[in-house]
C-alpha atoms as a PDB file:
ATOM      1  CA  MET A   1       0.000   0.000   0.000  1.00  0.00           C
ATOM      2  CA  ALA A   2       1.140   3.445  -0.779  1.00  0.00           C
ATOM      3  CA  GLY A   3       1.397   6.024   1.939  1.00  0.00           C
ATOM      4  CA  ALA A   4      -0.742   9.126   2.099  1.00  0.00           C
ATOM      5  CA  ARG A   5       0.191  11.644  -0.530  1.00  0.00           C
ATOM      6  CA  ARG A   6       1.225  15.058   0.570  1.00  0.00           C
ATOM      7  CA  ILE A   7      -0.871  17.854  -0.916  1.00  0.00           C
ATOM      8  CA  THR A   8       1.038  21.010  -1.612  1.00  0.00           C
ATOM      9  CA  PRO A   9      -0.293  24.264  -0.162  1.00  0.00           C
ATOM     10  CA  GLY A  10      -0.945  25.575  -3.689  1.00  0.00           C
ATOM     11  CA  ALA A  11      -3.048  22.531  -4.601  1.00  0.00           C
ATOM     12  CA  ARG A  12      -4.927  22.788  -1.307  1.00  0.00           C
ATOM     13  CA  ALA A  13      -5.681  26.470  -1.993  1.00  0.00           C
ATOM     14  CA  ARG A  14      -6.866  25.711  -5.538  1.00  0.00           C
ATOM     15  CA  ARG A  15      -9.114  22.932  -4.278  1.00  0.00           C
ATOM     16  CA  ALA A  16     -10.564  25.203  -1.595  1.00  0.00           C
ATOM     17  CA  LEU A  17     -11.107  27.912  -4.210  1.00  0.00           C
ATOM     18  CA  LEU A  18     -12.916  25.397  -6.456  1.00  0.00           C
ATOM     19  CA  VAL A  19     -15.181  24.266  -3.617  1.00  0.00           C
ATOM     20  CA  ASP A  20     -15.912  27.887  -2.638  1.00  0.00           C
ATOM     21  CA  GLY A  21     -16.663  28.791  -6.265  1.00  0.00           C
ATOM     22  CA  LEU A  22     -19.052  25.857  -6.684  1.00  0.00           C
ATOM     23  CA  ALA A  23     -20.804  26.741  -3.421  1.00  0.00           C
ATOM     24  CA  ALA A  24     -21.132  30.370  -4.575  1.00  0.00           C
ATOM     25  CA  ILE A  25     -22.644  29.260  -7.889  1.00  0.00           C
ATOM     26  CA  ALA A  26     -25.143  27.019  -6.093  1.00  0.00           C
ATOM     27  CA  VAL A  27     -26.155  29.788  -3.677  1.00  0.00           C
ATOM     28  CA  ALA A  28     -26.458  32.317  -6.532  1.00  0.00           C
ATOM     29  CA  ALA A  29     -28.687  29.947  -8.521  1.00  0.00           C
ATOM     30  CA  LEU A  30     -30.881  29.360  -5.474  1.00  0.00           C
ATOM     31  CA  VAL A  31     -31.174  33.076  -4.728  1.00  0.00           C
ATOM     32  CA  LEU A  32     -31.975  33.937  -8.347  1.00  0.00           C
ATOM     33  CA  SER A  33     -34.694  31.300  -8.533  1.00  0.00           C
ATOM     34  CA  LEU A  34     -36.230  32.469  -5.239  1.00  0.00           C
ATOM     35  CA  THR A  35     -36.178  36.139  -6.162  1.00  0.00           C
ATOM     36  CA  ALA A  36     -37.637  35.407  -9.579  1.00  0.00           C
ATOM     37  CA  GLY A  37     -40.437  33.502  -7.874  1.00  0.00           C
ATOM     38  CA  LEU A  38     -41.025  36.367  -5.460  1.00  0.00           C
ATOM     39  CA  GLY A  39     -41.137  38.772  -8.378  1.00  0.00           C
ATOM     40  CA  VAL A  40     -43.835  36.736 -10.085  1.00  0.00           C
ATOM     41  CA  VAL A  41     -45.838  36.514  -6.874  1.00  0.00           C
ATOM     42  CA  GLY A  42     -45.483  40.260  -6.352  1.00  0.00           C
ATOM     43  CA  PHE A  43     -46.374  41.016  -9.958  1.00  0.00           C
ATOM     44  CA  PHE A  44     -49.685  39.170  -9.686  1.00  0.00           C
ATOM     45  CA  GLY A  45     -50.306  39.587  -5.970  1.00  0.00           C
ATOM     46  CA  LEU A  46     -50.027  43.358  -5.705  1.00  0.00           C
ATOM     47  CA  PRO A  47     -52.767  44.193  -8.261  1.00  0.00           C
ATOM     48  CA  VAL A  48     -55.051  41.570  -6.706  1.00  0.00           C
ATOM     49  CA  LEU A  49     -54.436  43.062  -3.259  1.00  0.00           C
ATOM     50  CA  LEU A  50     -55.114  46.610  -4.501  1.00  0.00           C
ATOM     51  CA  PHE A  51     -58.268  45.481  -6.309  1.00  0.00           C
ATOM     52  CA  GLY A  52     -59.532  43.723  -3.175  1.00  0.00           C
ATOM     53  CA  LEU A  53     -58.838  46.732  -0.974  1.00  0.00           C
ATOM     54  CA  ALA A  54     -60.582  49.048  -3.446  1.00  0.00           C
ATOM     55  CA  TRP A  55     -63.558  46.676  -3.574  1.00  0.00           C
ATOM     56  CA  VAL A  56     -63.918  46.587   0.216  1.00  0.00           C
ATOM     57  CA  GLY A  57     -63.492  50.352   0.432  1.00  0.00           C
ATOM     58  CA  ILE A  58     -66.162  51.021  -2.192  1.00  0.00           C
ATOM     59  CA  GLU A  59     -68.566  48.586  -0.523  1.00  0.00           C
ATOM     60  CA  ARG A  60     -68.136  50.273   2.842  1.00  0.00           C
ATOM     61  CA  LEU A  61     -68.514  53.703   1.288  1.00  0.00           C
ATOM     62  CA  LEU A  62     -71.711  52.689  -0.487  1.00  0.00           C
ATOM     63  CA  ARG A  63     -73.062  51.011   2.641  1.00  0.00           C
ATOM     64  CA  SER A  64     -72.408  54.077   4.779  1.00  0.00           C
ATOM     65  CA  THR A  65     -73.948  56.513   2.262  1.00  0.00           C
ATOM     66  CA  GLY A  66     -76.767  54.153   1.236  1.00  0.00           C
ATOM     67  CA  SER A  67     -80.271  54.035   2.592  1.00  0.00           C
ATOM     68  CA  ARG A  68     -80.773  55.561   6.020  1.00  0.00           C
ATOM     69  CA  ARG A  69     -83.769  53.510   7.136  1.00  0.00           C
ATOM     70  CA  PRO A  70     -84.042  52.045  10.610  1.00  0.00           C
ATOM     71  CA  ARG A  71     -82.301  48.789  11.377  1.00  0.00           C
ATOM     72  CA  GLY A  72     -85.606  47.019  12.124  1.00  0.00           C
ATOM     73  CA  GLY A  73     -85.866  45.811   8.553  1.00  0.00           C
ATOM     74  CA  ARG A  74     -89.144  47.581   7.743  1.00  0.00           C
ATOM     75  CA  ASP A  75     -89.482  50.893   6.001  1.00  0.00           C
ATOM     76  CA  VAL A  76     -91.256  53.682   7.903  1.00  0.00           C
ATOM     77  CA  THR A  77     -93.839  53.997   5.090  1.00  0.00           C
ATOM     78  CA  GLU A  78     -95.048  50.411   5.697  1.00  0.00           C
ATOM     79  CA  LEU A  79     -96.600  51.279   9.077  1.00  0.00           C
END
């Protein structure tokens, strides 16, 4: 059996640089895919949110300025 090979400091540094580079590429790919997904969600989610808020606001405005009859359910003219 052969003994353990000695790795020179230069080779060790190159190997560490390769591992760091591959890890950086993997993290960059993950981040880009996540941010692209968040962009799509924001692109469709923000208009839906604004539309929903406008809808609720208009309904409340119409309800508050609508008919002013008593809460009993019958109109005063029916008596």
